[in-house]
Amino acid sequence: MGNPNVGKSVIFSRLTGAYVMASNYPGTTIDYSKGKMRVDKERYEIIDVPGTYSLEPSCKAEEVAVKMLDDGDIIINVVDATNLERNLYLTLELLEQKKPIIISLNLWDEAKHKGIKIDEKRLEEMLGVPVVPTIALTGEGIKELITRLKEVDENIKK
């Protein structure tokens, strides 16, 4: 889950190997896509939902995203590192849902290029959930995201 145009579909494609249209204009993903990922012997079903700014839907695409939230066991919250303040509103709403969450701090390269400095370890401490810097287009950080996702899953099973 995440705001529109933060790279959710690209992260989904990196995790599942499935191609999903990834574009930079509103309303690209109105429905959801499902794909599978295998990590070691565990199989995961990954769902790519439309972007939403909050859990109070204001359009059909956001309604789909919010409805799918109930079906998920773990939330991968894709956050735009170049616009952290706006994106963290949804993150805080998701944390209130009391579901396991991992944050993909995407567009990490763009944030650095713009001179934005984010202490991801401090952010992780403050939010109490794993935070992984990613660059979806190049795949940077995806292996760590998978490793941390596996950690979150193992903690659920304990």
N, C-alpha and C. Protein backbone atom coordinates (compact mmCIF):
# COMPACT_ATOMS: atom_id res chain seq x y z
N MET A 1 0.84 -1.18 0.00
CA MET A 1 0.00 0.00 0.00
C MET A 1 0.88 1.23 0.00
N GLY A 2 0.32 2.31 -0.51
CA GLY A 2 1.03 3.57 -0.51
C GLY A 2 0.27 4.60 -1.31
N ASN A 3 0.77 5.81 -1.29
CA ASN A 3 0.18 6.90 -2.07
C ASN A 3 0.32 6.58 -3.56
N PRO A 4 -0.45 7.24 -4.40
CA PRO A 4 -0.27 7.06 -5.84
C PRO A 4 1.14 7.50 -6.28
N ASN A 5 1.66 6.83 -7.28
CA ASN A 5 2.93 7.20 -7.93
C ASN A 5 4.15 7.16 -7.02
N VAL A 6 4.20 6.16 -6.14
CA VAL A 6 5.38 6.00 -5.28
C VAL A 6 6.21 4.78 -5.67
N GLY A 7 5.75 4.02 -6.67
CA GLY A 7 6.49 2.86 -7.13
C GLY A 7 5.96 1.53 -6.65
N LYS A 8 4.72 1.49 -6.20
CA LYS A 8 4.14 0.23 -5.70
C LYS A 8 4.16 -0.87 -6.74
N SER A 9 3.75 -0.54 -7.96
CA SER A 9 3.68 -1.56 -9.02
C SER A 9 5.07 -2.03 -9.42
N VAL A 10 6.06 -1.16 -9.37
CA VAL A 10 7.43 -1.56 -9.71
C VAL A 10 7.97 -2.48 -8.61
N ILE A 11 7.71 -2.14 -7.35
CA ILE A 11 8.12 -3.03 -6.24
C ILE A 11 7.43 -4.38 -6.40
N PHE A 12 6.14 -4.37 -6.70
CA PHE A 12 5.38 -5.60 -6.93
C PHE A 12 6.05 -6.44 -8.02
N SER A 13 6.39 -5.81 -9.13
CA SER A 13 7.04 -6.52 -10.24
C SER A 13 8.38 -7.10 -9.82
N ARG A 14 9.14 -6.34 -9.05
CA ARG A 14 10.45 -6.83 -8.57
C ARG A 14 10.28 -8.04 -7.66
N LEU A 15 9.26 -8.04 -6.82
CA LEU A 15 9.05 -9.14 -5.88
C LEU A 15 8.50 -10.38 -6.55
N THR A 16 7.64 -10.21 -7.54
CA THR A 16 6.93 -11.36 -8.11
C THR A 16 7.43 -11.76 -9.50
N GLY A 17 8.12 -10.85 -10.16
CA GLY A 17 8.54 -11.13 -11.54
C GLY A 17 7.41 -10.90 -12.53
N ALA A 18 6.25 -10.48 -12.04
CA ALA A 18 5.10 -10.22 -12.91
C ALA A 18 5.19 -8.80 -13.44
N TYR A 19 4.82 -8.63 -14.69
CA TYR A 19 4.82 -7.29 -15.27
C TYR A 19 3.49 -6.62 -14.97
N VAL A 20 3.57 -5.41 -14.45
CA VAL A 20 2.38 -4.60 -14.19
C VAL A 20 2.67 -3.24 -14.81
N MET A 21 1.67 -2.67 -15.47
CA MET A 21 1.86 -1.35 -16.06
C MET A 21 2.22 -0.37 -14.95
N ALA A 22 3.35 0.30 -15.08
CA ALA A 22 3.78 1.29 -14.10
C ALA A 22 3.90 2.63 -14.80
N SER A 23 3.07 3.57 -14.42
CA SER A 23 3.04 4.88 -15.07
C SER A 23 2.97 5.97 -14.03
N ASN A 24 3.25 7.18 -14.45
CA ASN A 24 3.25 8.32 -13.53
C ASN A 24 2.05 9.22 -13.72
N TYR A 25 0.89 8.66 -13.90
CA TYR A 25 -0.29 9.50 -13.97
C TYR A 25 -1.40 8.88 -13.14
N PRO A 26 -2.25 9.70 -12.56
CA PRO A 26 -3.28 9.19 -11.64
C PRO A 26 -4.21 8.18 -12.30
N GLY A 27 -4.66 7.24 -11.48
CA GLY A 27 -5.66 6.28 -11.95
C GLY A 27 -5.11 5.13 -12.77
N THR A 28 -3.78 4.96 -12.81
CA THR A 28 -3.20 3.88 -13.61
C THR A 28 -3.67 2.52 -13.10
N THR A 29 -3.59 2.31 -11.79
CA THR A 29 -4.05 1.05 -11.21
C THR A 29 -5.39 1.30 -10.54
N ILE A 30 -6.45 0.77 -11.10
CA ILE A 30 -7.77 0.93 -10.49
C ILE A 30 -8.20 -0.36 -9.83
N ASP A 31 -7.79 -1.47 -10.37
CA ASP A 31 -8.07 -2.76 -9.78
C ASP A 31 -6.79 -3.22 -9.07
N TYR A 32 -6.74 -4.45 -8.65
CA TYR A 32 -5.54 -4.95 -8.00
C TYR A 32 -4.97 -6.10 -8.82
N SER A 33 -3.68 -6.38 -8.58
CA SER A 33 -3.00 -7.49 -9.23
C SER A 33 -2.45 -8.41 -8.16
N LYS A 34 -2.42 -9.69 -8.46
CA LYS A 34 -1.85 -10.67 -7.53
C LYS A 34 -0.69 -11.37 -8.21
N GLY A 35 0.32 -11.68 -7.42
CA GLY A 35 1.46 -12.43 -7.91
C GLY A 35 2.01 -13.27 -6.78
N LYS A 36 2.88 -14.20 -7.11
CA LYS A 36 3.46 -15.06 -6.09
C LYS A 36 4.97 -14.84 -6.02
N MET A 37 5.49 -15.06 -4.81
CA MET A 37 6.91 -14.94 -4.57
C MET A 37 7.32 -16.09 -3.66
N ARG A 38 8.46 -16.65 -3.93
CA ARG A 38 8.98 -17.72 -3.08
C ARG A 38 10.28 -17.24 -2.43
N VAL A 39 10.35 -17.40 -1.13
CA VAL A 39 11.56 -17.09 -0.38
C VAL A 39 11.90 -18.34 0.41
N ASP A 40 13.05 -18.93 0.09
CA ASP A 40 13.42 -20.22 0.65
C ASP A 40 12.29 -21.20 0.35
N LYS A 41 11.66 -21.75 1.37
CA LYS A 41 10.58 -22.70 1.11
C LYS A 41 9.20 -22.08 1.30
N GLU A 42 9.17 -20.82 1.69
CA GLU A 42 7.91 -20.13 1.93
C GLU A 42 7.39 -19.49 0.64
N ARG A 43 6.08 -19.61 0.44
CA ARG A 43 5.43 -18.96 -0.71
C ARG A 43 4.58 -17.81 -0.18
N TYR A 44 4.65 -16.71 -0.87
CA TYR A 44 3.88 -15.53 -0.50
C TYR A 44 3.03 -15.11 -1.68
N GLU A 45 1.82 -14.68 -1.40
CA GLU A 45 1.00 -14.05 -2.42
C GLU A 45 1.10 -12.55 -2.18
N ILE A 46 1.50 -11.83 -3.20
CA ILE A 46 1.67 -10.38 -3.11
C ILE A 46 0.53 -9.73 -3.90
N ILE A 47 -0.07 -8.72 -3.30
CA ILE A 47 -1.17 -8.01 -3.95
C ILE A 47 -0.76 -6.56 -4.16
N ASP A 48 -0.87 -6.11 -5.40
CA ASP A 48 -0.59 -4.73 -5.77
C ASP A 48 -1.91 -3.98 -5.82
N VAL A 49 -2.10 -3.05 -4.88
CA VAL A 49 -3.36 -2.31 -4.81
C VAL A 49 -3.17 -0.90 -5.36
N PRO A 50 -4.26 -0.25 -5.73
CA PRO A 50 -4.17 1.13 -6.19
C PRO A 50 -3.64 2.05 -5.09
N GLY A 51 -3.10 3.18 -5.48
CA GLY A 51 -2.61 4.14 -4.52
C GLY A 51 -3.74 4.82 -3.78
N THR A 52 -3.46 5.16 -2.54
CA THR A 52 -4.44 5.88 -1.72
C THR A 52 -3.69 6.83 -0.78
N TYR A 53 -4.29 7.96 -0.52
CA TYR A 53 -3.68 8.93 0.39
C TYR A 53 -4.09 8.70 1.84
N SER A 54 -5.20 7.99 2.03
CA SER A 54 -5.66 7.72 3.39
C SER A 54 -6.57 6.49 3.37
N LEU A 55 -6.97 6.07 4.54
CA LEU A 55 -7.89 4.93 4.65
C LEU A 55 -9.34 5.38 4.59
N GLU A 56 -9.57 6.65 4.30
CA GLU A 56 -10.90 7.20 4.04
C GLU A 56 -11.00 7.41 2.53
N PRO A 57 -11.47 6.42 1.77
CA PRO A 57 -11.45 6.51 0.31
C PRO A 57 -12.28 7.66 -0.24
N SER A 58 -11.72 8.29 -1.28
CA SER A 58 -12.43 9.39 -1.94
C SER A 58 -12.74 9.07 -3.40
N CYS A 59 -12.37 7.86 -3.85
CA CYS A 59 -12.67 7.43 -5.22
C CYS A 59 -12.69 5.91 -5.26
N LYS A 60 -13.08 5.35 -6.40
CA LYS A 60 -13.19 3.89 -6.54
C LYS A 60 -11.85 3.19 -6.33
N ALA A 61 -10.78 3.75 -6.88
CA ALA A 61 -9.46 3.14 -6.73
C ALA A 61 -9.06 3.04 -5.26
N GLU A 62 -9.30 4.09 -4.51
CA GLU A 62 -8.98 4.08 -3.09
C GLU A 62 -9.86 3.09 -2.33
N GLU A 63 -11.12 2.95 -2.75
CA GLU A 63 -12.01 1.98 -2.13
C GLU A 63 -11.46 0.57 -2.28
N VAL A 64 -10.93 0.25 -3.47
CA VAL A 64 -10.34 -1.06 -3.73
C VAL A 64 -9.16 -1.29 -2.79
N ALA A 65 -8.29 -0.28 -2.67
CA ALA A 65 -7.10 -0.41 -1.82
C ALA A 65 -7.48 -0.66 -0.37
N VAL A 66 -8.42 0.11 0.14
CA VAL A 66 -8.83 -0.01 1.53
C VAL A 66 -9.50 -1.36 1.78
N LYS A 67 -10.33 -1.81 0.83
CA LYS A 67 -10.99 -3.11 0.97
C LYS A 67 -9.96 -4.24 1.02
N MET A 68 -8.91 -4.16 0.22
CA MET A 68 -7.89 -5.21 0.18
C MET A 68 -7.05 -5.26 1.45
N LEU A 69 -7.03 -4.19 2.20
CA LEU A 69 -6.26 -4.15 3.44
C LEU A 69 -6.68 -5.26 4.39
N ASP A 70 -7.98 -5.56 4.42
CA ASP A 70 -8.48 -6.60 5.31
C ASP A 70 -7.95 -7.99 4.95
N ASP A 71 -7.65 -8.21 3.67
CA ASP A 71 -7.21 -9.52 3.20
C ASP A 71 -5.73 -9.79 3.46
N GLY A 72 -4.95 -8.73 3.72
CA GLY A 72 -3.50 -8.90 3.84
C GLY A 72 -3.06 -9.32 5.23
N ASP A 73 -2.00 -10.12 5.27
CA ASP A 73 -1.39 -10.53 6.54
C ASP A 73 -0.27 -9.57 6.93
N ILE A 74 0.48 -9.12 5.93
CA ILE A 74 1.60 -8.20 6.13
C ILE A 74 1.43 -7.06 5.14
N ILE A 75 1.65 -5.84 5.58
CA ILE A 75 1.55 -4.69 4.69
C ILE A 75 2.95 -4.23 4.32
N ILE A 76 3.19 -4.14 3.01
CA ILE A 76 4.40 -3.47 2.53
C ILE A 76 3.94 -2.06 2.17
N ASN A 77 4.35 -1.11 2.99
CA ASN A 77 3.96 0.29 2.79
C ASN A 77 5.07 0.96 1.98
N VAL A 78 4.77 1.26 0.71
CA VAL A 78 5.75 1.92 -0.15
C VAL A 78 5.59 3.42 0.03
N VAL A 79 6.67 4.05 0.46
CA VAL A 79 6.68 5.46 0.82
C VAL A 79 7.65 6.20 -0.09
N ASP A 80 7.27 7.37 -0.57
CA ASP A 80 8.11 8.23 -1.39
C ASP A 80 9.06 9.00 -0.49
N ALA A 81 10.34 8.67 -0.54
CA ALA A 81 11.35 9.31 0.31
C ALA A 81 11.51 10.80 0.00
N THR A 82 11.06 11.24 -1.18
CA THR A 82 11.19 12.66 -1.52
C THR A 82 10.05 13.49 -0.95
N ASN A 83 9.03 12.83 -0.43
CA ASN A 83 7.88 13.54 0.11
C ASN A 83 7.38 12.81 1.35
N LEU A 84 8.27 12.68 2.31
CA LEU A 84 8.02 11.85 3.49
C LEU A 84 6.82 12.34 4.30
N GLU A 85 6.71 13.63 4.49
CA GLU A 85 5.63 14.16 5.33
C GLU A 85 4.26 13.76 4.80
N ARG A 86 4.04 13.94 3.51
CA ARG A 86 2.73 13.59 2.93
C ARG A 86 2.48 12.08 3.01
N ASN A 87 3.50 11.30 2.76
CA ASN A 87 3.34 9.84 2.73
C ASN A 87 3.15 9.23 4.11
N LEU A 88 3.70 9.84 5.15
CA LEU A 88 3.59 9.26 6.48
C LEU A 88 2.19 9.36 7.08
N TYR A 89 1.32 10.18 6.51
CA TYR A 89 -0.06 10.24 6.98
C TYR A 89 -0.70 8.85 6.83
N LEU A 90 -0.58 8.27 5.63
CA LEU A 90 -1.12 6.92 5.40
C LEU A 90 -0.39 5.90 6.28
N THR A 91 0.91 6.04 6.41
CA THR A 91 1.69 5.11 7.24
C THR A 91 1.14 5.08 8.66
N LEU A 92 0.87 6.25 9.23
CA LEU A 92 0.35 6.30 10.59
C LEU A 92 -1.03 5.67 10.68
N GLU A 93 -1.86 5.87 9.65
CA GLU A 93 -3.17 5.20 9.63
C GLU A 93 -3.00 3.68 9.57
N LEU A 94 -2.05 3.23 8.77
CA LEU A 94 -1.81 1.78 8.65
C LEU A 94 -1.30 1.20 9.96
N LEU A 95 -0.44 1.94 10.66
CA LEU A 95 0.07 1.46 11.95
C LEU A 95 -1.07 1.29 12.96
N GLU A 96 -2.10 2.13 12.86
CA GLU A 96 -3.25 2.02 13.76
C GLU A 96 -4.05 0.74 13.52
N GLN A 97 -3.87 0.11 12.36
CA GLN A 97 -4.60 -1.11 12.04
C GLN A 97 -4.05 -2.33 12.78
N LYS A 98 -2.90 -2.17 13.42
CA LYS A 98 -2.29 -3.24 14.23
C LYS A 98 -1.96 -4.48 13.40
N LYS A 99 -1.56 -4.26 12.15
CA LYS A 99 -1.10 -5.36 11.30
C LYS A 99 0.41 -5.23 11.13
N PRO A 100 1.08 -6.34 10.91
CA PRO A 100 2.52 -6.26 10.66
C PRO A 100 2.81 -5.43 9.40
N ILE A 101 3.77 -4.52 9.51
CA ILE A 101 4.11 -3.62 8.41
C ILE A 101 5.62 -3.58 8.21
N ILE A 102 6.01 -3.45 6.96
CA ILE A 102 7.39 -3.14 6.60
C ILE A 102 7.31 -1.97 5.62
N ILE A 103 8.21 -1.02 5.80
CA ILE A 103 8.18 0.17 4.95
C ILE A 103 9.30 0.11 3.93
N SER A 104 8.91 0.27 2.67
CA SER A 104 9.85 0.41 1.57
C SER A 104 10.00 1.91 1.33
N LEU A 105 11.13 2.47 1.74
CA LEU A 105 11.40 3.90 1.59
C LEU A 105 11.94 4.09 0.17
N ASN A 106 11.01 4.22 -0.76
CA ASN A 106 11.34 4.19 -2.19
C ASN A 106 11.76 5.57 -2.71
N LEU A 107 12.32 5.58 -3.90
CA LEU A 107 12.85 6.79 -4.53
C LEU A 107 14.02 7.34 -3.70
N TRP A 108 14.74 6.44 -3.07
CA TRP A 108 15.86 6.78 -2.21
C TRP A 108 16.91 7.60 -2.96
N ASP A 109 17.15 7.22 -4.20
CA ASP A 109 18.15 7.94 -5.01
C ASP A 109 17.71 9.37 -5.31
N GLU A 110 16.42 9.55 -5.57
CA GLU A 110 15.88 10.89 -5.85
C GLU A 110 15.98 11.77 -4.61
N ALA A 111 15.72 11.19 -3.46
CA ALA A 111 15.82 11.96 -2.21
C ALA A 111 17.25 12.44 -2.01
N LYS A 112 18.21 11.53 -2.21
CA LYS A 112 19.62 11.91 -2.07
C LYS A 112 19.99 13.01 -3.06
N HIS A 113 19.52 12.83 -4.30
CA HIS A 113 19.81 13.81 -5.36
C HIS A 113 19.27 15.20 -4.99
N LYS A 114 18.14 15.24 -4.31
CA LYS A 114 17.53 16.51 -3.91
C LYS A 114 18.11 17.04 -2.61
N GLY A 115 19.07 16.31 -2.03
CA GLY A 115 19.68 16.75 -0.78
C GLY A 115 18.87 16.42 0.45
N ILE A 116 17.90 15.54 0.31
CA ILE A 116 17.06 15.13 1.45
C ILE A 116 17.79 14.03 2.21
N LYS A 117 17.98 14.24 3.49
CA LYS A 117 18.65 13.25 4.32
C LYS A 117 17.64 12.65 5.29
N ILE A 118 17.52 11.33 5.22
CA ILE A 118 16.60 10.61 6.10
C ILE A 118 17.41 9.58 6.86
N ASP A 119 17.31 9.61 8.17
CA ASP A 119 17.95 8.61 9.01
C ASP A 119 16.98 7.44 9.12
N GLU A 120 17.13 6.48 8.22
CA GLU A 120 16.16 5.39 8.16
C GLU A 120 16.16 4.54 9.42
N LYS A 121 17.31 4.43 10.10
CA LYS A 121 17.35 3.66 11.35
C LYS A 121 16.55 4.37 12.44
N ARG A 122 16.66 5.68 12.50
CA ARG A 122 15.89 6.46 13.48
C ARG A 122 14.40 6.39 13.16
N LEU A 123 14.06 6.48 11.87
CA LEU A 123 12.67 6.38 11.46
C LEU A 123 12.11 5.01 11.86
N GLU A 124 12.91 3.98 11.69
CA GLU A 124 12.50 2.63 12.08
C GLU A 124 12.23 2.56 13.57
N GLU A 125 13.12 3.18 14.36
CA GLU A 125 12.93 3.20 15.82
C GLU A 125 11.65 3.95 16.20
N MET A 126 11.43 5.09 15.55
CA MET A 126 10.27 5.93 15.87
C MET A 126 8.95 5.24 15.53
N LEU A 127 8.92 4.55 14.38
CA LEU A 127 7.69 3.91 13.93
C LEU A 127 7.51 2.50 14.50
N GLY A 128 8.62 1.88 14.89
CA GLY A 128 8.55 0.53 15.46
C GLY A 128 8.33 -0.56 14.44
N VAL A 129 8.66 -0.27 13.17
CA VAL A 129 8.54 -1.27 12.10
C VAL A 129 9.78 -1.18 11.21
N PRO A 130 10.12 -2.27 10.50
CA PRO A 130 11.28 -2.22 9.62
C PRO A 130 11.12 -1.18 8.51
N VAL A 131 12.22 -0.46 8.23
CA VAL A 131 12.26 0.53 7.16
C VAL A 131 13.45 0.19 6.26
N VAL A 132 13.17 0.00 4.97
CA VAL A 132 14.22 -0.38 4.02
C VAL A 132 14.26 0.62 2.87
N PRO A 133 15.38 1.33 2.70
CA PRO A 133 15.52 2.21 1.54
C PRO A 133 15.55 1.38 0.26
N THR A 134 14.78 1.81 -0.74
CA THR A 134 14.74 1.09 -2.02
C THR A 134 14.78 2.05 -3.19
N ILE A 135 15.24 1.51 -4.31
CA ILE A 135 15.14 2.18 -5.60
C ILE A 135 14.49 1.14 -6.52
N ALA A 136 13.19 1.21 -6.63
CA ALA A 136 12.44 0.17 -7.35
C ALA A 136 12.92 0.00 -8.78
N LEU A 137 13.20 1.09 -9.47
CA LEU A 137 13.57 1.00 -10.88
C LEU A 137 14.85 0.20 -11.11
N THR A 138 15.82 0.31 -10.19
CA THR A 138 17.08 -0.42 -10.36
C THR A 138 17.11 -1.72 -9.57
N GLY A 139 16.19 -1.87 -8.63
CA GLY A 139 16.16 -3.07 -7.80
C GLY A 139 16.98 -2.94 -6.53
N GLU A 140 17.61 -1.79 -6.33
CA GLU A 140 18.41 -1.60 -5.12
C GLU A 140 17.52 -1.67 -3.88
N GLY A 141 17.95 -2.46 -2.90
CA GLY A 141 17.22 -2.59 -1.66
C GLY A 141 16.17 -3.70 -1.66
N ILE A 142 15.89 -4.28 -2.82
CA ILE A 142 14.83 -5.30 -2.90
C ILE A 142 15.23 -6.56 -2.12
N LYS A 143 16.49 -6.97 -2.20
CA LYS A 143 16.93 -8.16 -1.45
C LYS A 143 16.77 -7.93 0.05
N GLU A 144 17.14 -6.73 0.51
CA GLU A 144 16.97 -6.44 1.94
C GLU A 144 15.49 -6.40 2.30
N LEU A 145 14.67 -5.85 1.42
CA LEU A 145 13.22 -5.81 1.66
C LEU A 145 12.69 -7.23 1.84
N ILE A 146 13.12 -8.15 1.00
CA ILE A 146 12.69 -9.55 1.10
C ILE A 146 13.17 -10.17 2.41
N THR A 147 14.42 -9.90 2.77
CA THR A 147 14.97 -10.43 4.03
C THR A 147 14.18 -9.93 5.22
N ARG A 148 13.89 -8.64 5.23
CA ARG A 148 13.15 -8.04 6.34
C ARG A 148 11.70 -8.51 6.34
N LEU A 149 11.13 -8.74 5.16
CA LEU A 149 9.77 -9.27 5.05
C LEU A 149 9.71 -10.66 5.69
N LYS A 150 10.73 -11.44 5.44
CA LYS A 150 10.81 -12.78 6.02
C LYS A 150 10.90 -12.70 7.55
N GLU A 151 11.66 -11.72 8.06
CA GLU A 151 11.76 -11.52 9.51
C GLU A 151 10.39 -11.19 10.10
N VAL A 152 9.65 -10.30 9.43
CA VAL A 152 8.32 -9.91 9.90
C VAL A 152 7.41 -11.13 9.92
N ASP A 153 7.48 -11.95 8.87
CA ASP A 153 6.65 -13.15 8.78
C ASP A 153 7.01 -14.13 9.89
N GLU A 154 8.28 -14.30 10.17
CA GLU A 154 8.70 -15.22 11.23
C GLU A 154 8.22 -14.74 12.58
N ASN A 155 8.21 -13.43 12.80
CA ASN A 155 7.72 -12.88 14.07
C ASN A 155 6.23 -13.13 14.24
N ILE A 156 5.48 -13.13 13.13
CA ILE A 156 4.04 -13.40 13.20
C ILE A 156 3.80 -14.84 13.63
N LYS A 157 4.63 -15.74 13.12
CA LYS A 157 4.43 -17.16 13.37
C LYS A 157 4.84 -17.58 14.79
N LYS A 158 5.56 -16.71 15.49
CA LYS A 158 6.02 -17.05 16.87
C LYS A 158 4.89 -16.98 17.86
